[in-house]
Each structure stands twice: as structure tokens, then as C-alpha cells.
Amino acid sequence: MGNEIKKKGAPSFDTIDGATLMSTPLQPLRFVVDSLISQGIHVLAGSPKVGKSWLALWLAVMMAKGEPVWGMPTRQGTTLYLCLEDSRLRIQNRLFEIMEDAPPSVHFCTDTFIIGNGLEERIETFVAEHPDTTLIIIDTLQMVRGSGYDNTYANDYRDLSILKKLADKHGVAILLIHHLRKEGADDVFNRISGTTGVQGAVDSSFTLIEDKHGSGKAKLSCNGRDIEYREITLKRNEDNVWEKVSDSREQPELLGDAIISLLSEFMKSAAHFIGTPTELADRLHAQSGEKISPKKISQRILQNADTLISAGISFDIRRSNGKRLIELYRADGDDSADKTGSYTDTPNIVPVDPVCGGTDREALPLGEASKASGYTPSASSGALPHTPVTKGA
């Protein structure tokens, strides 16, 4: 029946089944500011003269220097600030206000080029010349759209999608400085100028709204596909730098790199571990005091395979007896096994499912669907090939 339906050469979707997807190591999303700004395209909107450009300038310099932003680590690299409503003199004056010195890795340009008429090509050239680029700021979005365009959903989505493709292609963050509507709204993000195509196309939206005009106190509301909703209260100091007063995210999520560090530390004393994500989370909590969601454990391991390998740790994630198991091996950990070949520091789990006639088919890394997809675990992925366990073996 299936062969009759599936005709040779007929167009089809390139799909991946859920079991395969949840067991396949993938490259994690890179954050340029941990838990706040990821690779992709983002919009920062605020009222005129609220201090958006001061904030953008400070971000560009901080990331070029690799210094924390409001206590959050940054990924150091070259930054490009397209300050299209300013002159070089104004940028120089502002730099002298916010700091004593600027690094050579932050670049400024005041020349305007339009989306579809030179902007994309120049961004491509800049990134090719500076492959460590992490952040590109366009101040403002209106300046690179030119004049005479129709303010429709289709046009908003099309223009921002062009920039998003660039950001995704090169793994950089593009931050668009934009304006808010004057009229109020129950949802602050609905005040972002333009159609809902702007919010639909970007990965994250940020709004900077002063408590009172000229007060120097503002709330930065943050929302996006890859970040939690949060509100950061800011205060503008005498150097025109926005300092954090408070953050609604009281207990930030432990990030991928931090979880990998905990795993590396854990595996220094445990050459081999096998157990459920919950059991591993409990072991890490007992050792470090950090609470980690069991669901995040599997995700972080799969998405940080290269980092684990470089730390000398290999892994296998599979299902057995209806449970998801994580198995970790330290490269130099063979001597930790006793004469029977078992490890005294791991739970007593026998990965054999009796309903499979003595063969643990569920324990195969990805199952039959994975074979069809062509995926096989390898040393480069960090996943260890799993040999089915049979009765009497």
C-alpha cells in the first residue's frame, strides 16, 4: 500500500521523526549576550530621544570588549554600528562620555544604504573581512528602508526576512533600532511602529519606555522566540550609560556552557554514569547546589556535543524499558571499572526490554526511523554507537 502511494520521483517533505530528533546532536543557538540576545534579528523600539542610541552604542562597545552586559556574559567579537542618523563627531563625543577608550574591534558607519539596494552586499563584505563579527546594529530601521514603500504586513515581513537570512547565514545578531507609536496599548509590544509583520519576522522584541519623560528611569521589556519574557528596570547614570536596577528574572536559567561545566566537574569523580535525566539532575544538584530541569539536561548534552568531546566526555542518549537513559563516559575512565566490568558509582540499570524477545530494540540510539534517515552516531557527534543487549550475552 505504501509503495503504491509513494511514487518514484514524486515531491515529498524532508521530515524527521520525534524520536530521532530528540536523540540527534545539533548545533546549539549561540547567544551574543547570554539569555538575552541570540544570533538572529531583533528590534529595539522606544520613543524619540529616550536613549535608544546611547544604549546601542554602549552595547556595541561592551560586546567588542567582551565585557558583561548587566551581569550577563557576552561573546566577544567585532561589532558594527550603522549610526545612520548621526555624524562621526556626535559618535566621538558620545564615546568620550561613556568610556575612556574604545577598542579597534568596534566599527562605525554613517553612510546609508537601502535594503535591496546595496545594504546586504556591504554587510556580506564586512562579515567576510571580519569573520569574528558578533553584532550588527542598524540605527534606525527606517533609514535602510528608504522612502516610497508601502507600509504593509507583506513589505515589513519581506524586508526583515532579508536581514534575518543574513544573520542566520553568518551566525550574528542584527539589532534594529526602531520607534514606538505615540498611542498606548495593553501590550507594550503592540506599540512598535509598523504592522505586526515586524514582530512576526524578528526573533526578539525589546521596548525601552521611560517612567516619565526625562526621568532617566526606564523599563526594558524583552520577549522572543528563544528567550523568556522579562522586564529589566534601568537607570541612566551621569555618563549616559543605562545601568540595571532590577530584573524580573530572579533566577536565570542555567545556560548550556554552565551545565557542561557542571557535567565536566561531575565526571572528574565519576568515570562512567548511566541513569535517567532526573537521576543525573539530582547528582549534579547534590554536587553543586544548582537546580537543573531534567528536560534541559538531555537538550544541553545534545546541543553541546563538541564541547563535551573536547572535555574528554562521550555520551549516549537512548530509551530503555520506557525510560530515557543518559550514559556518560570519561575518556580516561576505563580503570574505574571493577573486575566484573561494572561501575560502582552508577545505578543498577539493565538496558533490556523483555517485550523485545531479549533484544533491547528501544535501546538502539535512534531506532528504525533513524536508520531510514541515514543518521548513525559517531565519535564526531559525541554519541556512542549502542550494541543491543541480548539474553545470555
Protein backbone atom coordinates (compact mmCIF):
# COMPACT_ATOMS: atom_id res chain seq x y z
CA MET A 1 0.00 0.00 0.00
CA GLY A 2 2.79 2.39 0.97
CA ASN A 3 4.67 1.68 -2.26
CA GLU A 4 1.52 2.40 -4.26
CA ILE A 5 1.10 5.77 -2.58
CA LYS A 6 4.74 6.76 -2.80
CA LYS A 7 5.52 7.24 -6.46
CA LYS A 8 9.08 7.30 -7.66
CA GLY A 9 10.30 10.84 -8.08
CA ALA A 10 7.19 12.35 -6.50
CA PRO A 11 7.86 15.52 -4.45
CA SER A 12 7.87 14.90 -0.69
CA PHE A 13 8.67 16.60 2.59
CA ASP A 14 12.10 16.16 4.17
CA THR A 15 10.91 15.04 7.61
CA ILE A 16 12.48 13.79 10.81
CA ASP A 17 10.54 11.80 13.40
CA GLY A 18 10.31 12.88 17.03
CA ALA A 19 12.40 10.05 18.46
CA THR A 20 15.21 10.77 16.02
CA LEU A 21 15.07 14.50 16.60
CA MET A 22 15.27 14.13 20.39
CA SER A 23 18.36 11.91 20.09
CA THR A 24 20.32 13.79 17.42
CA PRO A 25 23.16 16.13 18.42
CA LEU A 26 22.53 19.57 16.92
CA GLN A 27 24.46 22.81 16.99
CA PRO A 28 23.01 25.00 19.77
CA LEU A 29 21.77 28.52 19.22
CA ARG A 30 24.57 30.94 20.03
CA PHE A 31 23.87 33.88 22.32
CA VAL A 32 25.89 37.05 21.95
CA VAL A 33 24.51 38.24 25.31
CA ASP A 34 23.66 35.21 27.44
CA SER A 35 19.92 34.63 27.87
CA LEU A 36 19.09 37.98 26.23
CA ILE A 37 20.33 38.41 22.64
CA SER A 38 20.90 35.41 20.38
CA GLN A 39 22.10 35.10 16.82
CA GLY A 40 19.27 36.26 14.56
CA ILE A 41 17.39 39.51 14.11
CA HIS A 42 15.98 41.69 16.88
CA VAL A 43 14.22 45.02 17.23
CA LEU A 44 14.74 47.61 19.99
CA ALA A 45 11.97 50.19 19.94
CA GLY A 46 11.50 53.31 22.01
CA SER A 47 10.15 56.84 21.88
CA PRO A 48 12.26 59.56 20.27
CA LYS A 49 15.14 60.80 22.45
CA VAL A 50 14.54 58.12 25.10
CA GLY A 51 18.14 56.95 24.85
CA LYS A 52 17.96 54.06 22.39
CA SER A 53 21.07 55.16 20.52
CA TRP A 54 23.05 55.59 23.74
CA LEU A 55 22.11 52.04 24.69
CA ALA A 56 23.01 50.75 21.22
CA LEU A 57 26.41 52.44 21.33
CA TRP A 58 27.17 51.02 24.76
CA LEU A 59 26.15 47.52 23.65
CA ALA A 60 28.40 47.72 20.58
CA VAL A 61 31.42 48.68 22.68
CA MET A 62 30.78 46.24 25.54
CA MET A 63 30.48 43.30 23.16
CA ALA A 64 33.59 44.33 21.23
CA LYS A 65 35.45 44.33 24.57
CA GLY A 66 33.80 41.10 25.71
CA GLU A 67 32.58 42.68 28.92
CA PRO A 68 29.34 41.65 30.70
CA VAL A 69 26.07 43.42 29.92
CA TRP A 70 24.07 43.90 33.13
CA GLY A 71 25.89 40.94 34.64
CA MET A 72 25.32 38.68 31.62
CA PRO A 73 28.39 37.31 29.81
CA THR A 74 28.90 38.36 26.19
CA ARG A 75 30.52 36.65 23.22
CA GLN A 76 33.42 38.90 22.33
CA GLY A 77 33.92 39.78 18.70
CA THR A 78 33.86 42.54 16.11
CA THR A 79 30.79 44.78 16.17
CA LEU A 80 29.40 47.11 13.51
CA TYR A 81 27.23 50.11 14.40
CA LEU A 82 25.43 51.70 11.44
CA CYS A 83 24.60 55.02 13.11
CA LEU A 84 22.65 56.45 10.20
CA GLU A 85 21.09 59.45 11.96
CA ASP A 86 24.38 60.66 13.48
CA SER A 87 27.67 62.19 12.41
CA ARG A 88 31.15 60.95 13.27
CA LEU A 89 31.55 63.96 15.56
CA ARG A 90 28.44 63.03 17.55
CA ILE A 91 29.58 59.42 17.88
CA GLN A 92 33.03 60.57 19.00
CA ASN A 93 31.51 62.86 21.62
CA ARG A 94 29.29 60.08 22.92
CA LEU A 95 32.19 57.64 23.09
CA PHE A 96 34.15 60.09 25.23
CA GLU A 97 31.13 60.36 27.55
CA ILE A 98 30.56 56.65 28.15
CA MET A 99 34.19 55.46 28.37
CA GLU A 100 37.85 56.44 28.30
CA ASP A 101 38.82 54.30 25.32
CA ALA A 102 37.13 52.26 22.57
CA PRO A 103 38.60 49.05 21.14
CA PRO A 104 39.56 48.78 17.46
CA SER A 105 37.08 45.91 17.08
CA VAL A 106 34.04 48.22 17.18
CA HIS A 107 33.31 49.88 13.81
CA PHE A 108 31.05 52.78 12.90
CA CYS A 109 29.46 53.85 9.63
CA THR A 110 27.21 56.86 8.95
CA ASP A 111 26.57 56.14 5.25
CA THR A 112 23.07 54.95 4.42
CA PHE A 113 22.34 52.03 2.09
CA ILE A 114 18.90 50.60 1.41
CA ILE A 115 17.64 47.03 1.79
CA GLY A 116 17.68 45.56 -1.70
CA ASN A 117 19.96 48.32 -2.97
CA GLY A 118 23.43 47.75 -1.53
CA LEU A 119 22.93 47.12 2.19
CA GLU A 120 23.05 43.31 2.12
CA GLU A 121 26.15 43.24 -0.10
CA ARG A 122 28.03 45.58 2.23
CA ILE A 123 27.08 43.52 5.28
CA GLU A 124 28.33 40.39 3.48
CA THR A 125 31.63 42.13 2.67
CA PHE A 126 32.09 43.37 6.25
CA VAL A 127 31.49 39.93 7.75
CA ALA A 128 33.88 38.37 5.21
CA GLU A 129 36.54 40.89 6.26
CA HIS A 130 35.74 40.39 9.95
CA PRO A 131 34.71 36.73 10.41
CA ASP A 132 34.53 37.15 14.20
CA THR A 133 31.62 39.59 13.88
CA THR A 134 29.01 39.04 16.60
CA LEU A 135 26.73 42.10 16.48
CA ILE A 136 25.49 44.50 13.80
CA ILE A 137 23.32 47.43 14.87
CA ILE A 138 21.21 49.34 12.35
CA ASP A 139 20.09 52.70 13.74
CA THR A 140 17.41 53.16 12.50
CA LEU A 141 15.34 50.62 10.59
CA GLN A 142 13.52 53.44 8.80
CA MET A 143 16.79 54.71 7.32
CA VAL A 144 17.57 51.45 5.49
CA ARG A 145 14.06 51.12 4.06
CA GLY A 146 14.22 54.39 2.17
CA SER A 147 11.08 56.25 1.15
CA GLY A 148 8.15 55.50 -1.07
CA TYR A 149 7.50 51.96 0.16
CA ASP A 150 4.07 50.68 1.18
CA ASN A 151 3.75 50.14 4.92
CA THR A 152 2.08 46.73 4.66
CA TYR A 153 2.50 43.44 6.51
CA ALA A 154 3.99 41.81 3.42
CA ASN A 155 6.61 44.56 2.98
CA ASP A 156 7.54 44.63 6.68
CA TYR A 157 7.95 40.87 6.76
CA ARG A 158 9.84 40.77 3.46
CA ASP A 159 12.39 43.45 4.40
CA LEU A 160 13.14 42.00 7.84
CA SER A 161 13.29 38.46 6.47
CA ILE A 162 16.10 39.56 4.14
CA LEU A 163 18.11 40.74 7.13
CA LYS A 164 17.22 37.63 9.15
CA LYS A 165 18.61 35.38 6.43
CA LEU A 166 21.88 37.30 6.62
CA ALA A 167 22.02 36.98 10.40
CA ASP A 168 21.27 33.25 10.32
CA LYS A 169 23.74 32.64 7.49
CA HIS A 170 26.64 34.19 9.39
CA GLY A 171 25.59 33.36 12.97
CA VAL A 172 25.48 37.02 14.03
CA ALA A 173 22.93 39.17 15.81
CA ILE A 174 21.40 42.10 13.94
CA LEU A 175 19.73 44.66 16.20
CA LEU A 176 17.33 47.11 14.55
CA ILE A 177 16.68 50.41 16.33
CA HIS A 178 13.07 51.44 15.77
CA HIS A 179 10.31 53.70 17.08
CA LEU A 180 7.16 53.28 19.15
CA ARG A 181 3.73 54.61 18.30
CA LYS A 182 2.53 57.50 20.45
CA GLU A 183 -0.78 55.86 21.33
CA GLY A 184 -0.87 53.44 24.23
CA ALA A 185 -1.68 49.73 24.10
CA ASP A 186 -2.41 46.98 26.60
CA ASP A 187 0.53 45.00 25.18
CA VAL A 188 3.62 47.21 25.04
CA PHE A 189 4.94 45.30 22.01
CA ASN A 190 1.86 46.37 20.03
CA ARG A 191 3.24 49.92 20.21
CA ILE A 192 6.16 49.01 17.95
CA SER A 193 5.81 51.11 14.79
CA GLY A 194 4.68 49.31 11.66
CA THR A 195 2.50 46.27 11.12
CA THR A 196 2.61 43.01 13.05
CA GLY A 197 4.92 41.81 10.27
CA VAL A 198 7.78 43.46 12.19
CA GLN A 199 7.21 41.33 15.29
CA GLY A 200 6.46 38.30 13.16
CA ALA A 201 9.80 38.46 11.34
CA VAL A 202 12.15 39.17 14.26
CA ASP A 203 13.46 36.66 16.79
CA SER A 204 13.17 39.04 19.74
CA SER A 205 11.48 42.36 20.50
CA PHE A 206 12.67 44.90 23.08
CA THR A 207 10.90 48.08 24.12
CA LEU A 208 12.56 50.87 26.11
CA ILE A 209 9.97 53.07 27.84
CA GLU A 210 10.74 55.82 30.34
CA ASP A 211 8.73 56.06 33.55
CA LYS A 212 8.42 59.78 32.84
CA HIS A 213 9.97 61.79 30.03
CA GLY A 214 13.41 62.99 31.09
CA SER A 215 13.40 60.97 34.33
CA GLY A 216 16.37 58.80 33.33
CA LYS A 217 14.47 55.74 34.57
CA ALA A 218 13.07 53.22 32.11
CA LYS A 219 11.82 49.68 31.70
CA LEU A 220 13.26 47.37 29.07
CA SER A 221 10.62 44.77 28.18
CA CYS A 222 12.03 41.69 26.44
CA ASN A 223 10.18 38.98 24.53
CA GLY A 224 11.23 36.47 21.89
CA ARG A 225 11.29 33.01 20.40
CA ASP A 226 14.40 31.90 22.28
CA ILE A 227 14.25 33.97 25.46
CA GLU A 228 11.90 34.21 28.42
CA TYR A 229 9.69 37.27 28.82
CA ARG A 230 11.40 39.58 31.26
CA GLU A 231 11.43 43.20 32.38
CA ILE A 232 14.70 44.92 33.24
CA THR A 233 14.48 48.20 35.15
CA LEU A 234 17.20 50.62 34.07
CA LYS A 235 18.58 53.94 35.28
CA ARG A 236 20.65 56.29 33.15
CA ASN A 237 23.77 57.39 35.03
CA GLU A 238 25.73 60.62 34.70
CA ASP A 239 27.79 59.11 31.85
CA ASN A 240 24.62 58.29 29.88
CA VAL A 241 25.07 54.56 30.45
CA TRP A 242 21.93 52.55 31.20
CA GLU A 243 22.58 50.63 34.44
CA LYS A 244 20.46 47.74 35.69
CA VAL A 245 18.35 48.40 38.77
CA SER A 246 16.39 45.14 38.81
CA ASP A 247 15.50 42.15 36.65
CA SER A 248 12.16 40.30 36.76
CA ARG A 249 14.02 37.09 36.01
CA GLU A 250 15.03 36.42 39.59
CA GLN A 251 16.65 33.04 38.97
CA PRO A 252 18.17 32.93 35.48
CA GLU A 253 18.18 29.59 33.75
CA LEU A 254 21.48 27.77 33.92
CA LEU A 255 22.90 28.13 30.43
CA GLY A 256 24.38 25.44 28.22
CA ASP A 257 28.01 26.27 28.95
CA ALA A 258 27.35 26.26 32.69
CA ILE A 259 25.62 22.87 32.55
CA ILE A 260 28.52 21.44 30.54
CA SER A 261 30.94 22.79 33.14
CA LEU A 262 28.96 21.03 35.86
CA LEU A 263 29.00 17.78 33.87
CA SER A 264 32.75 18.05 33.32
CA GLU A 265 33.31 18.58 37.03
CA PHE A 266 30.99 15.70 37.87
CA MET A 267 32.79 13.32 35.51
CA LYS A 268 36.13 14.02 37.18
CA SER A 269 34.98 11.81 40.04
CA ALA A 270 32.65 9.54 38.05
CA ALA A 271 34.35 7.92 35.08
CA HIS A 272 31.05 6.39 33.95
CA PHE A 273 27.42 7.28 34.59
CA ILE A 274 24.20 5.72 33.39
CA GLY A 275 20.80 6.83 34.57
CA THR A 276 17.72 8.88 33.78
CA PRO A 277 17.85 12.67 33.26
CA THR A 278 16.20 13.10 36.67
CA GLU A 279 18.87 10.98 38.35
CA LEU A 280 21.63 12.95 36.64
CA ALA A 281 20.00 16.24 37.63
CA ASP A 282 19.84 15.03 41.25
CA ARG A 283 23.52 14.05 41.18
CA LEU A 284 24.52 17.44 39.78
CA HIS A 285 22.33 19.22 42.33
CA ALA A 286 23.90 17.24 45.18
CA GLN A 287 27.37 18.16 43.94
CA SER A 288 26.90 21.80 43.01
CA GLY A 289 23.69 23.01 44.63
CA GLU A 290 22.40 24.11 41.19
CA LYS A 291 18.87 23.07 40.28
CA ILE A 292 18.58 21.93 36.67
CA SER A 293 15.47 20.78 34.82
CA PRO A 294 15.88 17.11 33.77
CA LYS A 295 14.47 18.04 30.33
CA LYS A 296 17.23 20.59 29.92
CA ILE A 297 19.91 18.00 30.71
CA SER A 298 19.29 15.96 27.53
CA GLN A 299 18.89 19.09 25.44
CA ARG A 300 22.13 20.67 26.62
CA ILE A 301 24.11 17.48 26.15
CA LEU A 302 22.84 17.01 22.59
CA GLN A 303 23.43 20.64 21.68
CA ASN A 304 26.91 20.84 23.21
CA ALA A 305 28.36 17.59 21.85
CA ASP A 306 31.56 19.22 20.55
CA THR A 307 32.24 20.89 23.89
CA LEU A 308 31.80 17.57 25.72
CA ILE A 309 34.11 15.79 23.31
CA SER A 310 36.80 18.44 23.80
CA ALA A 311 36.44 17.87 27.55
CA GLY A 312 37.05 14.15 27.03
CA ILE A 313 33.46 13.04 27.64
CA SER A 314 31.44 10.83 25.28
CA PHE A 315 27.74 10.14 25.65
CA ASP A 316 24.82 8.05 24.54
CA ILE A 317 21.16 9.03 24.94
CA ARG A 318 18.58 6.30 24.33
CA ARG A 319 15.33 4.81 25.58
CA SER A 320 15.16 1.57 27.55
CA ASN A 321 12.24 -0.05 29.37
CA GLY A 322 10.15 3.03 28.56
CA LYS A 323 12.67 5.44 30.11
CA ARG A 324 15.15 7.83 28.60
CA LEU A 325 18.71 7.00 29.67
CA ILE A 326 21.82 9.12 29.58
CA GLU A 327 25.17 7.34 29.57
CA LEU A 328 28.36 9.35 30.06
CA TYR A 329 31.92 8.08 29.66
CA ARG A 330 35.15 9.79 30.55
CA ALA A 331 37.93 9.13 28.05
CA ASP A 332 40.40 8.08 30.73
CA GLY A 333 37.81 6.33 32.90
CA ASP A 334 38.33 2.66 31.99
CA ASP A 335 40.29 1.96 35.15
CA SER A 336 37.28 2.86 37.29
CA ALA A 337 35.53 -0.40 36.45
CA ASP A 338 35.95 -3.27 38.88
CA LYS A 339 36.92 -6.79 37.82
CA THR A 340 33.34 -7.68 36.88
CA GLY A 341 33.21 -4.76 34.46
CA SER A 342 30.55 -2.88 36.42
CA TYR A 343 30.79 0.61 37.83
CA THR A 344 30.08 1.12 41.47
CA ASP A 345 29.09 4.77 41.06
CA THR A 346 26.14 4.21 38.72
CA PRO A 347 22.60 2.92 39.18
CA ASN A 348 21.98 -0.77 38.54
CA ILE A 349 20.14 -0.48 35.22
CA VAL A 350 19.96 -3.39 32.79
CA PRO A 351 19.05 -1.96 29.37
CA VAL A 352 16.99 -4.98 28.22
CA ASP A 353 13.34 -4.73 27.34
CA PRO A 354 11.72 -8.18 27.84
CA VAL A 355 8.94 -7.43 25.37
CA CYS A 356 11.52 -7.31 22.58
CA GLY A 357 12.30 -11.01 22.80
CA GLY A 358 15.56 -10.46 24.60
CA THR A 359 16.84 -7.75 22.28
CA ASP A 360 16.73 -4.18 23.50
CA ARG A 361 15.42 -2.54 20.36
CA GLU A 362 14.32 0.51 22.30
CA ALA A 363 17.90 0.95 23.48
CA LEU A 364 19.16 1.40 19.94
CA PRO A 365 20.21 5.04 19.69
CA LEU A 366 17.53 6.10 17.25
CA GLY A 367 15.55 3.06 16.08
CA GLU A 368 14.38 2.05 12.64
CA ALA A 369 13.21 5.56 11.76
CA SER A 370 16.75 6.80 12.33
CA LYS A 371 18.20 4.19 10.03
CA ALA A 372 15.84 5.39 7.34
CA SER A 373 17.02 8.95 7.93
CA GLY A 374 20.62 7.90 7.43
CA TYR A 375 21.78 9.11 10.85
CA THR A 376 24.28 6.97 12.71
CA PRO A 377 26.03 8.01 15.94
CA SER A 378 29.70 8.74 15.56
CA ALA A 379 32.62 9.96 17.59
CA SER A 380 32.34 13.33 15.93
CA SER A 381 28.79 13.78 17.19
CA GLY A 382 29.61 12.66 20.71
CA ALA A 383 27.04 9.86 20.63
CA LEU A 384 28.36 6.36 21.18
CA PRO A 385 27.16 3.53 18.94
CA HIS A 386 24.96 1.27 21.06
CA THR A 387 25.21 -2.52 20.83
CA PRO A 388 21.90 -4.29 21.51
CA VAL A 389 21.99 -6.40 24.67
CA THR A 390 20.62 -9.93 24.26
CA LYS A 391 19.79 -12.57 26.84
CA GLY A 392 22.71 -14.79 27.61
CA ALA A 393 25.20 -12.41 26.05
